[in-house]
Amino acid sequence: MRITVLAGGVGGARFLQGVRAYAAGLPGSEVTAIINTGDDVTLHGLRICPDLDSVMYTLAGAVDTERGWGREGETWRIMDELVEYGAEPTWFALGDLDIATHLVRTQMLAAGYPLSDVTAALCQRWQTGIRLLPMTDERCETHVVISEDDSRRAIHFQEWWVRHRAGIPALDFVQVGLDSARPAAGVLAAIAEADLVLIAPSNPVVSINTILSVPGIREALRSGPAPVVGLSPIIGGAPVRGMADACLPVLGVQTSAAGVAGLYGARSAGGVLDGWLVHTGDTVQLPGLPVLARDLLMTSPEATAAMVADAVRLAGR
C-alpha cells in the first residue's frame, strides 16, 4: 500500500510514527509525508524549517520528548552567547545540535539546491523510514495580522506563537509567497500514485490549510484516485495540544471536529474529504461524508497505528 500523509508540527510527527508502524506490517508498503513549510523562518542567517525538523527528529528517535521539538541531549552555549551579544531575536531558542541542521540546510539552499533535495539529504543522516517532502520548494511564510495601538501590522507566525504565545488576538493569517508557489518535486506524484491519502491531526489552519492552499495540491486531492481520510485534531471542543483554538475563529470556523470537517469539506461537495475520524463522543454530520468515532489519543505509535487501520477501513481499502 502507498500512503501519502499531509502533516505539520508535533502532532503530525507523532501521527507519522503510527503510520510508519502500521505500514511496517504490510510488506512493500511506502509512506510519503507532505510537510507544511509555512512556519519556516530565517533567523541569525539560518533557514529554519520547524515542521520538517520536528518530523525528522521524531521519526529518527532523536527528538526531545519533554518539549516535543528540538534535539534530545541539546545544549545552548551558542544561544547563550548570542544573548550576551544582544543579537535578536533572543526569544527563539536555537540549540547547539539543532544549529548544525540549519547550517547544512542554509549552505545547500545557498548553493542552489531546492528544499526537497535538501530535505532528502538531511534525511539520509536520520533514516526516518518515511519519505519527507516539503509542500513547496519556494519560500512561503505564514504571517499573522495583529492590531497594536489602533493600527494593523503583520508579524511572522513564529513571533506570534513563540514570543507572544498567541496572546495577541490574530485578525488574519497571510501566507507570503503562496500565490506564486508550486508543489515541491514529487508532491503531486505522491498524491496521484497513492492508494490512500491521510490528513494528520495537525493544526487545521496554519499547517493543513496552508498545504492545501499551495496551488495545485487541493485540486490534485479532489481529482486523484485515492480516498482522502482525515483525523480530527479537536477532541471535545479543544485541541489536544497547540493553538488551533486561537486560529480557527479567525477563519470563522468553530473549534470542533465538525468545524474542521467543514473547513476541509467533503469531496462530494467540492472539498477534499472522503472520510473523517473523530474522537469518541464527538459527532459530525456533514452531507456526503462518512464519519467514524474512535479513541484518537495518540498515546503510543501502536495506538496511533490502530487509528490508521480504522482510517483504512473507512476508506474501503
C-alpha atoms as a PDB file:
ATOM      1  CA  MET A   1       0.000   0.000   0.000  1.00  0.00           C
ATOM      2  CA  ARG A   2       1.200   3.509  -0.849  1.00  0.00           C
ATOM      3  CA  ILE A   3       0.119   6.013   1.799  1.00  0.00           C
ATOM      4  CA  THR A   4       0.556   9.765   1.475  1.00  0.00           C
ATOM      5  CA  VAL A   5       0.088  11.952   4.540  1.00  0.00           C
ATOM      6  CA  LEU A   6      -0.409  15.714   4.846  1.00  0.00           C
ATOM      7  CA  ALA A   7       1.115  16.789   8.145  1.00  0.00           C
ATOM      8  CA  GLY A   8       2.718  19.549  10.145  1.00  0.00           C
ATOM      9  CA  GLY A   9       4.256  20.104  13.544  1.00  0.00           C
ATOM     10  CA  VAL A  10       4.466  17.978  16.657  1.00  0.00           C
ATOM     11  CA  GLY A  11       1.049  16.329  16.215  1.00  0.00           C
ATOM     12  CA  GLY A  12       1.875  15.405  12.644  1.00  0.00           C
ATOM     13  CA  ALA A  13       5.208  13.945  13.726  1.00  0.00           C
ATOM     14  CA  ARG A  14       3.574  11.714  16.329  1.00  0.00           C
ATOM     15  CA  PHE A  15       0.909  10.651  13.859  1.00  0.00           C
ATOM     16  CA  LEU A  16       3.551   9.661  11.311  1.00  0.00           C
ATOM     17  CA  GLN A  17       5.126   7.347  13.883  1.00  0.00           C
ATOM     18  CA  GLY A  18       1.836   5.451  13.897  1.00  0.00           C
ATOM     19  CA  VAL A  19       1.560   5.457  10.108  1.00  0.00           C
ATOM     20  CA  ARG A  20       5.064   4.019   9.885  1.00  0.00           C
ATOM     21  CA  ALA A  21       4.186   1.357  12.473  1.00  0.00           C
ATOM     22  CA  TYR A  22       1.056   0.426  10.513  1.00  0.00           C
ATOM     23  CA  ALA A  23       2.924   0.263   7.193  1.00  0.00           C
ATOM     24  CA  ALA A  24       5.617  -1.935   8.754  1.00  0.00           C
ATOM     25  CA  GLY A  25       3.030  -4.691   8.988  1.00  0.00           C
ATOM     26  CA  LEU A  26       2.375  -4.536   5.246  1.00  0.00           C
ATOM     27  CA  PRO A  27       5.416  -5.749   3.297  1.00  0.00           C
ATOM     28  CA  GLY A  28       6.265  -3.469   0.404  1.00  0.00           C
ATOM     29  CA  SER A  29       4.254  -0.523   1.724  1.00  0.00           C
ATOM     30  CA  GLU A  30       5.546   3.003   1.208  1.00  0.00           C
ATOM     31  CA  VAL A  31       4.752   6.161   3.157  1.00  0.00           C
ATOM     32  CA  THR A  32       5.294   9.698   1.899  1.00  0.00           C
ATOM     33  CA  ALA A  33       4.654  12.748   4.079  1.00  0.00           C
ATOM     34  CA  ILE A  34       3.969  16.189   2.622  1.00  0.00           C
ATOM     35  CA  ILE A  35       5.025  18.646   5.317  1.00  0.00           C
ATOM     36  CA  ASN A  36       3.948  22.212   5.972  1.00  0.00           C
ATOM     37  CA  THR A  37       6.669  24.815   5.386  1.00  0.00           C
ATOM     38  CA  GLY A  38       4.592  27.908   6.145  1.00  0.00           C
ATOM     39  CA  ASP A  39       6.214  28.054   9.597  1.00  0.00           C
ATOM     40  CA  ASP A  40       9.698  28.367   8.064  1.00  0.00           C
ATOM     41  CA  VAL A  41      11.745  31.387   9.068  1.00  0.00           C
ATOM     42  CA  THR A  42      15.247  32.837   8.649  1.00  0.00           C
ATOM     43  CA  LEU A  43      16.953  33.816  11.919  1.00  0.00           C
ATOM     44  CA  HIS A  44      20.620  34.642  12.589  1.00  0.00           C
ATOM     45  CA  GLY A  45      21.222  33.992   8.882  1.00  0.00           C
ATOM     46  CA  LEU A  46      19.970  30.410   9.136  1.00  0.00           C
ATOM     47  CA  ARG A  47      16.985  28.894   7.312  1.00  0.00           C
ATOM     48  CA  ILE A  48      14.857  27.068   9.861  1.00  0.00           C
ATOM     49  CA  CYS A  49      12.094  24.599   8.940  1.00  0.00           C
ATOM     50  CA  PRO A  50      10.404  23.772  12.274  1.00  0.00           C
ATOM     51  CA  ASP A  51       7.812  21.283  10.997  1.00  0.00           C
ATOM     52  CA  LEU A  52      10.211  19.382   8.758  1.00  0.00           C
ATOM     53  CA  ASP A  53      12.745  19.175  11.572  1.00  0.00           C
ATOM     54  CA  SER A  54      10.208  18.107  14.203  1.00  0.00           C
ATOM     55  CA  VAL A  55       9.051  15.282  11.942  1.00  0.00           C
ATOM     56  CA  MET A  56      12.594  14.277  11.022  1.00  0.00           C
ATOM     57  CA  TYR A  57      13.872  14.214  14.610  1.00  0.00           C
ATOM     58  CA  THR A  58      10.771  12.414  15.899  1.00  0.00           C
ATOM     59  CA  LEU A  59      10.903   9.651  13.294  1.00  0.00           C
ATOM     60  CA  ALA A  60      14.619   9.229  13.962  1.00  0.00           C
ATOM     61  CA  GLY A  61      14.059   8.895  17.719  1.00  0.00           C
ATOM     62  CA  ALA A  62      16.187  11.988  18.337  1.00  0.00           C
ATOM     63  CA  VAL A  63      13.539  14.478  19.438  1.00  0.00           C
ATOM     64  CA  ASP A  64      13.375  15.981  22.909  1.00  0.00           C
ATOM     65  CA  THR A  65      10.248  14.196  24.107  1.00  0.00           C
ATOM     66  CA  GLU A  66       9.633  16.568  27.023  1.00  0.00           C
ATOM     67  CA  ARG A  67       9.428  19.649  24.811  1.00  0.00           C
ATOM     68  CA  GLY A  68       8.127  17.782  21.775  1.00  0.00           C
ATOM     69  CA  TRP A  69      10.559  19.606  19.481  1.00  0.00           C
ATOM     70  CA  GLY A  70      14.302  20.050  19.061  1.00  0.00           C
ATOM     71  CA  ARG A  71      17.044  17.534  19.760  1.00  0.00           C
ATOM     72  CA  GLU A  72      17.384  15.327  22.792  1.00  0.00           C
ATOM     73  CA  GLY A  73      20.526  15.999  24.813  1.00  0.00           C
ATOM     74  CA  GLU A  74      20.588  19.561  23.490  1.00  0.00           C
ATOM     75  CA  THR A  75      22.898  22.265  24.840  1.00  0.00           C
ATOM     76  CA  TRP A  76      22.519  26.030  24.449  1.00  0.00           C
ATOM     77  CA  ARG A  77      26.005  27.575  24.538  1.00  0.00           C
ATOM     78  CA  ILE A  78      25.710  29.323  21.170  1.00  0.00           C
ATOM     79  CA  MET A  79      22.304  30.764  22.050  1.00  0.00           C
ATOM     80  CA  ASP A  80      23.589  31.920  25.432  1.00  0.00           C
ATOM     81  CA  GLU A  81      26.460  33.719  23.703  1.00  0.00           C
ATOM     82  CA  LEU A  82      24.101  35.335  21.183  1.00  0.00           C
ATOM     83  CA  VAL A  83      22.068  36.668  24.107  1.00  0.00           C
ATOM     84  CA  GLU A  84      25.243  38.135  25.629  1.00  0.00           C
ATOM     85  CA  TYR A  85      25.862  39.921  22.330  1.00  0.00           C
ATOM     86  CA  GLY A  86      22.285  41.166  22.348  1.00  0.00           C
ATOM     87  CA  ALA A  87      21.727  39.533  18.969  1.00  0.00           C
ATOM     88  CA  GLU A  88      17.994  39.477  18.301  1.00  0.00           C
ATOM     89  CA  PRO A  89      15.754  37.633  18.324  1.00  0.00           C
ATOM     90  CA  THR A  90      16.514  36.250  21.773  1.00  0.00           C
ATOM     91  CA  TRP A  91      13.015  34.744  22.100  1.00  0.00           C
ATOM     92  CA  PHE A  92      13.641  31.962  19.569  1.00  0.00           C
ATOM     93  CA  ALA A  93      15.969  29.386  21.099  1.00  0.00           C
ATOM     94  CA  LEU A  94      18.359  27.512  18.821  1.00  0.00           C
ATOM     95  CA  GLY A  95      20.195  24.574  20.354  1.00  0.00           C
ATOM     96  CA  ASP A  96      23.796  23.760  19.502  1.00  0.00           C
ATOM     97  CA  LEU A  97      22.941  20.418  17.850  1.00  0.00           C
ATOM     98  CA  ASP A  98      19.947  21.871  16.041  1.00  0.00           C
ATOM     99  CA  ILE A  99      22.072  24.666  14.595  1.00  0.00           C
ATOM    100  CA  ALA A 100      24.120  22.064  12.693  1.00  0.00           C
ATOM    101  CA  THR A 101      20.966  21.044  10.796  1.00  0.00           C
ATOM    102  CA  HIS A 102      20.191  24.668   9.963  1.00  0.00           C
ATOM    103  CA  LEU A 103      23.767  25.326   8.842  1.00  0.00           C
ATOM    104  CA  VAL A 104      23.701  22.404   6.396  1.00  0.00           C
ATOM    105  CA  ARG A 105      20.275  23.413   5.075  1.00  0.00           C
ATOM    106  CA  THR A 106      21.273  27.062   4.646  1.00  0.00           C
ATOM    107  CA  GLN A 107      24.500  26.180   2.850  1.00  0.00           C
ATOM    108  CA  MET A 108      22.750  23.799   0.450  1.00  0.00           C
ATOM    109  CA  LEU A 109      19.978  26.286  -0.314  1.00  0.00           C
ATOM    110  CA  ALA A 110      22.596  28.988  -0.969  1.00  0.00           C
ATOM    111  CA  ALA A 111      24.331  26.598  -3.360  1.00  0.00           C
ATOM    112  CA  GLY A 112      21.120  26.330  -5.376  1.00  0.00           C
ATOM    113  CA  TYR A 113      19.642  23.034  -4.179  1.00  0.00           C
ATOM    114  CA  PRO A 114      15.831  23.052  -3.837  1.00  0.00           C
ATOM    115  CA  LEU A 115      14.381  22.422  -0.400  1.00  0.00           C
ATOM    116  CA  SER A 116      13.105  18.994  -1.457  1.00  0.00           C
ATOM    117  CA  ASP A 117      16.666  17.889  -2.302  1.00  0.00           C
ATOM    118  CA  VAL A 118      17.989  19.425   0.901  1.00  0.00           C
ATOM    119  CA  THR A 119      15.358  17.577   2.937  1.00  0.00           C
ATOM    120  CA  ALA A 120      16.255  14.289   1.262  1.00  0.00           C
ATOM    121  CA  ALA A 121      19.936  14.863   2.066  1.00  0.00           C
ATOM    122  CA  LEU A 122      19.187  15.620   5.722  1.00  0.00           C
ATOM    123  CA  CYS A 123      17.020  12.506   5.984  1.00  0.00           C
ATOM    124  CA  GLN A 124      19.917  10.385   4.751  1.00  0.00           C
ATOM    125  CA  ARG A 125      21.608  11.216   8.042  1.00  0.00           C
ATOM    126  CA  TRP A 126      18.485  10.383  10.082  1.00  0.00           C
ATOM    127  CA  GLN A 127      16.976   7.379   8.252  1.00  0.00           C
ATOM    128  CA  THR A 128      13.361   8.321   9.008  1.00  0.00           C
ATOM    129  CA  GLY A 129      11.769   5.331   7.265  1.00  0.00           C
ATOM    130  CA  ILE A 130       9.327   7.703   5.571  1.00  0.00           C
ATOM    131  CA  ARG A 131       9.941   9.906   2.542  1.00  0.00           C
ATOM    132  CA  LEU A 132       9.584  13.532   3.621  1.00  0.00           C
ATOM    133  CA  LEU A 133       8.624  16.203   1.107  1.00  0.00           C
ATOM    134  CA  PRO A 134       8.200  19.915   1.773  1.00  0.00           C
ATOM    135  CA  MET A 135       4.882  21.192   0.443  1.00  0.00           C
ATOM    136  CA  THR A 136       6.775  23.580  -1.851  1.00  0.00           C
ATOM    137  CA  ASP A 137      10.359  24.358  -2.804  1.00  0.00           C
ATOM    138  CA  GLU A 138       9.527  28.061  -2.929  1.00  0.00           C
ATOM    139  CA  ARG A 139       9.869  30.328   0.070  1.00  0.00           C
ATOM    140  CA  CYS A 140       6.451  30.609   1.694  1.00  0.00           C
ATOM    141  CA  GLU A 141       5.881  32.026   5.186  1.00  0.00           C
ATOM    142  CA  THR A 142       2.797  32.486   7.324  1.00  0.00           C
ATOM    143  CA  HIS A 143       2.384  35.951   8.788  1.00  0.00           C
ATOM    144  CA  VAL A 144      -0.190  36.974  11.375  1.00  0.00           C
ATOM    145  CA  VAL A 145      -2.071  40.254  11.120  1.00  0.00           C
ATOM    146  CA  ILE A 146      -2.499  41.862  14.541  1.00  0.00           C
ATOM    147  CA  SER A 147      -3.677  45.199  15.880  1.00  0.00           C
ATOM    148  CA  GLU A 148      -1.497  47.346  18.129  1.00  0.00           C
ATOM    149  CA  ASP A 149      -2.130  50.968  19.109  1.00  0.00           C
ATOM    150  CA  ASP A 150      -5.113  51.119  16.757  1.00  0.00           C
ATOM    151  CA  SER A 151      -3.012  50.128  13.758  1.00  0.00           C
ATOM    152  CA  ARG A 152      -2.723  46.834  11.923  1.00  0.00           C
ATOM    153  CA  ARG A 153       0.570  45.159  11.174  1.00  0.00           C
ATOM    154  CA  ALA A 154       1.815  41.709  10.276  1.00  0.00           C
ATOM    155  CA  ILE A 155       4.354  39.677  12.218  1.00  0.00           C
ATOM    156  CA  HIS A 156       5.849  36.312  11.385  1.00  0.00           C
ATOM    157  CA  PHE A 157       3.904  33.340  12.716  1.00  0.00           C
ATOM    158  CA  GLN A 158       6.890  32.287  14.838  1.00  0.00           C
ATOM    159  CA  GLU A 159       6.912  35.653  16.606  1.00  0.00           C
ATOM    160  CA  TRP A 160       3.161  35.414  17.260  1.00  0.00           C
ATOM    161  CA  TRP A 161       3.358  31.860  18.571  1.00  0.00           C
ATOM    162  CA  VAL A 162       6.785  31.582  20.239  1.00  0.00           C
ATOM    163  CA  ARG A 163       7.288  35.118  21.505  1.00  0.00           C
ATOM    164  CA  HIS A 164       3.687  36.063  22.274  1.00  0.00           C
ATOM    165  CA  ARG A 165       2.293  32.545  22.842  1.00  0.00           C
ATOM    166  CA  ALA A 166      -0.675  33.512  20.634  1.00  0.00           C
ATOM    167  CA  GLY A 167      -1.621  36.005  23.344  1.00  0.00           C
ATOM    168  CA  ILE A 168      -2.236  38.792  20.835  1.00  0.00           C
ATOM    169  CA  PRO A 169      -5.532  38.189  19.000  1.00  0.00           C
ATOM    170  CA  ALA A 170      -4.970  37.347  15.352  1.00  0.00           C
ATOM    171  CA  LEU A 171      -7.022  39.242  12.790  1.00  0.00           C
ATOM    172  CA  ASP A 172      -5.899  37.237   9.782  1.00  0.00           C
ATOM    173  CA  PHE A 173      -3.299  34.772   8.535  1.00  0.00           C
ATOM    174  CA  VAL A 174      -1.412  35.648   5.357  1.00  0.00           C
ATOM    175  CA  GLN A 175       0.832  33.200   3.515  1.00  0.00           C
ATOM    176  CA  VAL A 176       3.514  35.344   1.921  1.00  0.00           C
ATOM    177  CA  GLY A 177       4.656  33.843  -1.372  1.00  0.00           C
ATOM    178  CA  LEU A 178       1.870  31.281  -1.529  1.00  0.00           C
ATOM    179  CA  ASP A 179       0.207  32.610  -4.665  1.00  0.00           C
ATOM    180  CA  SER A 180       3.313  32.039  -6.761  1.00  0.00           C
ATOM    181  CA  ALA A 181       4.345  28.781  -5.065  1.00  0.00           C
ATOM    182  CA  ARG A 182       4.223  25.394  -6.756  1.00  0.00           C
ATOM    183  CA  PRO A 183       4.118  21.938  -5.185  1.00  0.00           C
ATOM    184  CA  ALA A 184       7.614  20.670  -4.468  1.00  0.00           C
ATOM    185  CA  ALA A 185       9.129  17.980  -6.643  1.00  0.00           C
ATOM    186  CA  GLY A 186       7.362  14.692  -6.008  1.00  0.00           C
ATOM    187  CA  VAL A 187       4.316  16.110  -4.210  1.00  0.00           C
ATOM    188  CA  LEU A 188       1.755  15.782  -6.997  1.00  0.00           C
ATOM    189  CA  ALA A 189       3.065  12.329  -7.927  1.00  0.00           C
ATOM    190  CA  ALA A 190       2.784  11.222  -4.286  1.00  0.00           C
ATOM    191  CA  ILE A 191      -0.895  12.195  -4.346  1.00  0.00           C
ATOM    192  CA  ALA A 192      -1.644  10.761  -7.790  1.00  0.00           C
ATOM    193  CA  GLU A 193       0.066   7.424  -7.099  1.00  0.00           C
ATOM    194  CA  ALA A 194      -1.248   6.915  -3.547  1.00  0.00           C
ATOM    195  CA  ASP A 195      -3.658   4.171  -2.559  1.00  0.00           C
ATOM    196  CA  LEU A 196      -4.726   6.284   0.422  1.00  0.00           C
ATOM    197  CA  VAL A 197      -4.229   9.892   1.483  1.00  0.00           C
ATOM    198  CA  LEU A 198      -4.402  10.743   5.182  1.00  0.00           C
ATOM    199  CA  ILE A 199      -4.750  14.199   6.702  1.00  0.00           C
ATOM    200  CA  ALA A 200      -2.954  14.178  10.046  1.00  0.00           C
ATOM    201  CA  PRO A 201      -4.467  15.742  13.184  1.00  0.00           C
ATOM    202  CA  SER A 202      -2.235  18.788  12.789  1.00  0.00           C
ATOM    203  CA  ASN A 203      -3.215  22.430  13.154  1.00  0.00           C
ATOM    204  CA  PRO A 204      -6.013  22.788  10.576  1.00  0.00           C
ATOM    205  CA  VAL A 205      -5.293  26.450   9.833  1.00  0.00           C
ATOM    206  CA  VAL A 206      -1.540  27.085   9.808  1.00  0.00           C
ATOM    207  CA  SER A 207      -0.465  23.544   8.857  1.00  0.00           C
ATOM    208  CA  ILE A 208      -3.054  21.609   6.839  1.00  0.00           C
ATOM    209  CA  ASN A 209      -4.909  24.527   5.258  1.00  0.00           C
ATOM    210  CA  THR A 210      -1.567  26.046   4.280  1.00  0.00           C
ATOM    211  CA  ILE A 211      -0.597  22.832   2.479  1.00  0.00           C
ATOM    212  CA  LEU A 212      -3.998  22.668   0.788  1.00  0.00           C
ATOM    213  CA  SER A 213      -3.615  26.263  -0.355  1.00  0.00           C
ATOM    214  CA  VAL A 214      -0.453  25.624  -2.370  1.00  0.00           C
ATOM    215  CA  PRO A 215      -1.715  25.981  -5.946  1.00  0.00           C
ATOM    216  CA  GLY A 216      -2.338  22.520  -7.386  1.00  0.00           C
ATOM    217  CA  ILE A 217      -2.455  20.457  -4.182  1.00  0.00           C
ATOM    218  CA  ARG A 218      -6.150  20.816  -3.348  1.00  0.00           C
ATOM    219  CA  GLU A 219      -7.027  20.137  -6.980  1.00  0.00           C
ATOM    220  CA  ALA A 220      -4.792  17.043  -7.016  1.00  0.00           C
ATOM    221  CA  LEU A 221      -6.616  15.633  -3.988  1.00  0.00           C
ATOM    222  CA  ARG A 222     -10.025  16.317  -5.499  1.00  0.00           C
ATOM    223  CA  SER A 223      -9.174  14.715  -8.840  1.00  0.00           C
ATOM    224  CA  GLY A 224      -6.916  11.927  -7.555  1.00  0.00           C
ATOM    225  CA  PRO A 225      -7.967   8.279  -7.407  1.00  0.00           C
ATOM    226  CA  ALA A 226      -7.078   7.736  -3.744  1.00  0.00           C
ATOM    227  CA  PRO A 227      -9.643   8.239  -0.981  1.00  0.00           C
ATOM    228  CA  VAL A 228      -8.765  11.033   1.438  1.00  0.00           C
ATOM    229  CA  VAL A 229      -9.413  10.395   5.132  1.00  0.00           C
ATOM    230  CA  GLY A 230      -8.735  12.959   7.841  1.00  0.00           C
ATOM    231  CA  LEU A 231      -8.386  12.689  11.612  1.00  0.00           C
ATOM    232  CA  SER A 232      -9.805  15.423  13.784  1.00  0.00           C
ATOM    233  CA  PRO A 233      -7.264  17.483  15.748  1.00  0.00           C
ATOM    234  CA  ILE A 234     -10.081  18.682  18.008  1.00  0.00           C
ATOM    235  CA  ILE A 235     -11.309  16.493  20.868  1.00  0.00           C
ATOM    236  CA  GLY A 236     -14.264  17.590  22.961  1.00  0.00           C
ATOM    237  CA  GLY A 237     -14.108  21.124  21.603  1.00  0.00           C
ATOM    238  CA  ALA A 238     -10.397  21.710  22.286  1.00  0.00           C
ATOM    239  CA  PRO A 239      -7.080  20.865  20.616  1.00  0.00           C
ATOM    240  CA  VAL A 240      -5.037  18.159  22.294  1.00  0.00           C
ATOM    241  CA  ARG A 241      -2.032  20.493  22.088  1.00  0.00           C
ATOM    242  CA  GLY A 242      -1.096  23.580  20.156  1.00  0.00           C
ATOM    243  CA  MET A 243      -3.270  26.604  19.492  1.00  0.00           C
ATOM    244  CA  ALA A 244      -5.832  25.609  16.891  1.00  0.00           C
ATOM    245  CA  ASP A 245      -8.456  27.241  19.121  1.00  0.00           C
ATOM    246  CA  ALA A 246      -6.671  30.580  18.606  1.00  0.00           C
ATOM    247  CA  CYS A 247      -6.588  30.074  14.831  1.00  0.00           C
ATOM    248  CA  LEU A 248      -9.934  28.592  13.773  1.00  0.00           C
ATOM    249  CA  PRO A 249     -12.103  31.530  14.936  1.00  0.00           C
ATOM    250  CA  VAL A 250     -10.032  33.840  12.719  1.00  0.00           C
ATOM    251  CA  LEU A 251     -11.474  31.946   9.739  1.00  0.00           C
ATOM    252  CA  GLY A 252     -14.938  31.935  11.267  1.00  0.00           C
ATOM    253  CA  VAL A 253     -14.670  28.203  11.993  1.00  0.00           C
ATOM    254  CA  GLN A 254     -15.962  26.631  15.190  1.00  0.00           C
ATOM    255  CA  THR A 255     -13.344  24.868  17.321  1.00  0.00           C
ATOM    256  CA  SER A 256     -14.849  21.414  16.987  1.00  0.00           C
ATOM    257  CA  ALA A 257     -14.475  18.225  14.985  1.00  0.00           C
ATOM    258  CA  ALA A 258     -17.463  19.353  12.924  1.00  0.00           C
ATOM    259  CA  GLY A 259     -15.948  22.778  12.327  1.00  0.00           C
ATOM    260  CA  VAL A 260     -12.681  21.351  10.991  1.00  0.00           C
ATOM    261  CA  ALA A 261     -14.556  18.847   8.813  1.00  0.00           C
ATOM    262  CA  GLY A 262     -16.487  21.742   7.319  1.00  0.00           C
ATOM    263  CA  LEU A 263     -13.251  23.651   6.711  1.00  0.00           C
ATOM    264  CA  TYR A 264     -11.795  20.776   4.680  1.00  0.00           C
ATOM    265  CA  GLY A 265     -15.154  19.869   3.128  1.00  0.00           C
ATOM    266  CA  ALA A 266     -16.489  16.618   1.693  1.00  0.00           C
ATOM    267  CA  ARG A 267     -15.144  15.768  -1.746  1.00  0.00           C
ATOM    268  CA  SER A 268     -18.699  15.150  -2.933  1.00  0.00           C
ATOM    269  CA  ALA A 269     -19.426  18.824  -2.195  1.00  0.00           C
ATOM    270  CA  GLY A 270     -16.231  20.324  -3.601  1.00  0.00           C
ATOM    271  CA  GLY A 271     -13.965  19.675  -0.618  1.00  0.00           C
ATOM    272  CA  VAL A 272     -11.270  17.048  -0.175  1.00  0.00           C
ATOM    273  CA  LEU A 273     -12.517  14.535   2.417  1.00  0.00           C
ATOM    274  CA  ASP A 274     -13.904  11.069   1.689  1.00  0.00           C
ATOM    275  CA  GLY A 275     -13.894  10.084   5.375  1.00  0.00           C
ATOM    276  CA  TRP A 276     -13.456  11.686   8.792  1.00  0.00           C
ATOM    277  CA  LEU A 277     -12.345  10.150  12.084  1.00  0.00           C
ATOM    278  CA  VAL A 278     -13.479  11.865  15.276  1.00  0.00           C
ATOM    279  CA  HIS A 279     -12.865  11.129  18.935  1.00  0.00           C
ATOM    280  CA  THR A 280     -15.379   9.051  20.836  1.00  0.00           C
ATOM    281  CA  GLY A 281     -18.197  11.317  21.979  1.00  0.00           C
ATOM    282  CA  ASP A 282     -17.756  13.892  19.205  1.00  0.00           C
ATOM    283  CA  THR A 283     -20.338  13.990  16.442  1.00  0.00           C
ATOM    284  CA  VAL A 284     -20.195  15.306  12.894  1.00  0.00           C
ATOM    285  CA  GLN A 285     -22.977  15.401  10.360  1.00  0.00           C
ATOM    286  CA  LEU A 286     -21.740  16.632   7.000  1.00  0.00           C
ATOM    287  CA  PRO A 287     -23.655  15.523   3.899  1.00  0.00           C
ATOM    288  CA  GLY A 288     -21.670  13.050   1.816  1.00  0.00           C
ATOM    289  CA  LEU A 289     -19.012  12.460   4.467  1.00  0.00           C
ATOM    290  CA  PRO A 290     -18.725   9.082   6.244  1.00  0.00           C
ATOM    291  CA  VAL A 291     -17.693   9.575   9.874  1.00  0.00           C
ATOM    292  CA  LEU A 292     -16.202   7.096  12.336  1.00  0.00           C
ATOM    293  CA  ALA A 293     -15.831   7.776  16.065  1.00  0.00           C
ATOM    294  CA  ARG A 294     -12.952   6.144  17.970  1.00  0.00           C
ATOM    295  CA  ASP A 295     -10.283   6.969  20.533  1.00  0.00           C
ATOM    296  CA  LEU A 296      -7.957   9.488  18.866  1.00  0.00           C
ATOM    297  CA  LEU A 297      -5.481   9.997  21.715  1.00  0.00           C
ATOM    298  CA  MET A 298      -2.023   9.202  20.340  1.00  0.00           C
ATOM    299  CA  THR A 299      -0.687   7.551  23.484  1.00  0.00           C
ATOM    300  CA  SER A 300       1.799   5.370  21.581  1.00  0.00           C
ATOM    301  CA  PRO A 301       2.799   4.516  17.997  1.00  0.00           C
ATOM    302  CA  GLU A 302       0.780   1.305  18.363  1.00  0.00           C
ATOM    303  CA  ALA A 303      -2.349   3.201  19.426  1.00  0.00           C
ATOM    304  CA  THR A 304      -1.872   5.571  16.514  1.00  0.00           C
ATOM    305  CA  ALA A 305      -1.353   2.643  14.131  1.00  0.00           C
ATOM    306  CA  ALA A 306      -4.777   1.388  15.219  1.00  0.00           C
ATOM    307  CA  MET A 307      -6.231   4.761  14.190  1.00  0.00           C
ATOM    308  CA  VAL A 308      -4.603   4.366  10.792  1.00  0.00           C
ATOM    309  CA  ALA A 309      -6.135   0.897  10.467  1.00  0.00           C
ATOM    310  CA  ASP A 310      -9.565   2.396  11.131  1.00  0.00           C
ATOM    311  CA  ALA A 311      -8.903   5.087   8.530  1.00  0.00           C
ATOM    312  CA  VAL A 312      -8.012   2.379   6.019  1.00  0.00           C
ATOM    313  CA  ARG A 313     -11.250   0.556   6.756  1.00  0.00           C
ATOM    314  CA  LEU A 314     -13.258   3.759   6.500  1.00  0.00           C
ATOM    315  CA  ALA A 315     -11.694   4.346   3.091  1.00  0.00           C
ATOM    316  CA  GLY A 316     -12.674   0.867   1.993  1.00  0.00           C
ATOM    317  CA  ARG A 317      -9.058  -0.174   1.437  1.00  0.00           C
END
